[in-house]
């Protein structure tokens, strides 16, 4: 699924899982990436539109990361 840059930008920012900061950013104008402490950068692939928790204003407040060891829901750093 192709997602435009303006939609990707809504998801960028820092998230706070278990006291560590997870950074979500855009690479090459079209790829959403996630940087987890102590791990390599990962490319995020959109499987459905708006897979993230959002407020009524369309602001992303949390993100769910689905990994082999389970699903983690992390709040966005304010």
Protein backbone atom coordinates (compact mmCIF):
# COMPACT_ATOMS: atom_id res chain seq x y z
CA UNK A 1 0.00 0.00 0.00
CA UNK A 2 1.41 3.39 -1.03
CA UNK A 3 1.14 6.21 1.54
CA UNK A 4 1.85 9.87 0.72
CA UNK A 5 4.46 11.97 2.53
CA UNK A 6 1.87 14.10 4.35
CA UNK A 7 0.31 10.95 5.83
CA UNK A 8 3.75 9.58 6.78
CA UNK A 9 4.66 12.86 8.51
CA UNK A 10 1.71 12.48 10.91
CA UNK A 11 3.43 9.43 12.38
CA UNK A 12 6.95 10.81 12.86
CA UNK A 13 8.21 11.60 16.32
CA UNK A 14 9.52 9.98 19.49
CA UNK A 15 7.63 7.22 21.32
CA UNK A 16 8.32 5.97 24.85
CA UNK A 17 8.36 2.19 25.34
CA UNK A 18 9.52 1.10 28.78
CA UNK A 19 11.65 4.18 29.46
CA UNK A 20 13.55 4.15 26.14
CA UNK A 21 12.84 6.42 23.19
CA UNK A 22 11.81 4.92 19.85
CA UNK A 23 12.24 7.35 16.96
CA UNK A 24 9.96 7.25 13.88
CA UNK A 25 11.18 9.27 10.90
CA UNK A 26 10.94 9.57 7.10
CA UNK A 27 13.79 8.46 4.83
CA UNK A 28 14.01 9.39 1.14
CA UNK A 29 10.71 11.31 1.16
CA UNK A 30 8.61 8.13 0.96
CA UNK A 31 9.69 5.56 3.55
CA UNK A 32 8.63 5.54 7.20
CA UNK A 33 11.43 4.18 9.40
CA UNK A 34 11.71 3.24 13.08
CA UNK A 35 14.89 3.33 15.18
CA UNK A 36 14.80 1.11 18.26
CA UNK A 37 17.62 1.46 20.83
CA UNK A 38 20.31 -1.16 20.23
CA UNK A 39 18.78 -2.38 16.95
CA UNK A 40 19.15 -1.45 13.28
CA UNK A 41 16.66 0.91 11.62
CA UNK A 42 13.53 -0.83 10.33
CA UNK A 43 11.28 0.16 7.43
CA UNK A 44 7.59 0.38 8.33
CA UNK A 45 5.21 -0.98 5.71
CA UNK A 46 1.60 0.20 5.64
CA UNK A 47 -0.76 -2.76 5.53
CA UNK A 48 -3.96 -0.75 6.05
CA UNK A 49 -4.78 2.96 6.06
CA UNK A 50 -4.53 4.59 9.49
CA UNK A 51 -3.22 1.59 11.38
CA UNK A 52 -2.25 3.96 14.22
CA UNK A 53 -4.23 5.39 17.14
CA UNK A 54 -5.18 9.00 16.41
CA UNK A 55 -7.10 11.78 18.12
CA UNK A 56 -10.13 13.43 16.57
CA UNK A 57 -7.77 16.11 15.25
CA UNK A 58 -5.87 13.48 13.29
CA UNK A 59 -2.85 13.72 15.56
CA UNK A 60 -0.99 10.48 16.23
CA UNK A 61 -0.82 9.81 19.98
CA UNK A 62 0.39 6.19 20.00
CA UNK A 63 1.75 3.55 17.67
CA UNK A 64 1.51 -0.23 17.71
CA UNK A 65 4.60 -2.20 16.76
CA UNK A 66 3.94 -5.80 15.71
CA UNK A 67 7.04 -7.92 16.22
CA UNK A 68 7.66 -11.68 16.29
CA UNK A 69 7.56 -11.62 20.10
CA UNK A 70 4.25 -9.72 20.32
CA UNK A 71 2.44 -6.45 19.74
CA UNK A 72 3.61 -3.33 21.61
CA UNK A 73 1.53 -0.17 21.87
CA UNK A 74 3.63 2.87 22.70
CA UNK A 75 2.56 6.43 23.56
CA UNK A 76 4.05 9.33 21.67
CA UNK A 77 6.44 11.62 23.60
CA UNK A 78 4.96 15.09 24.11
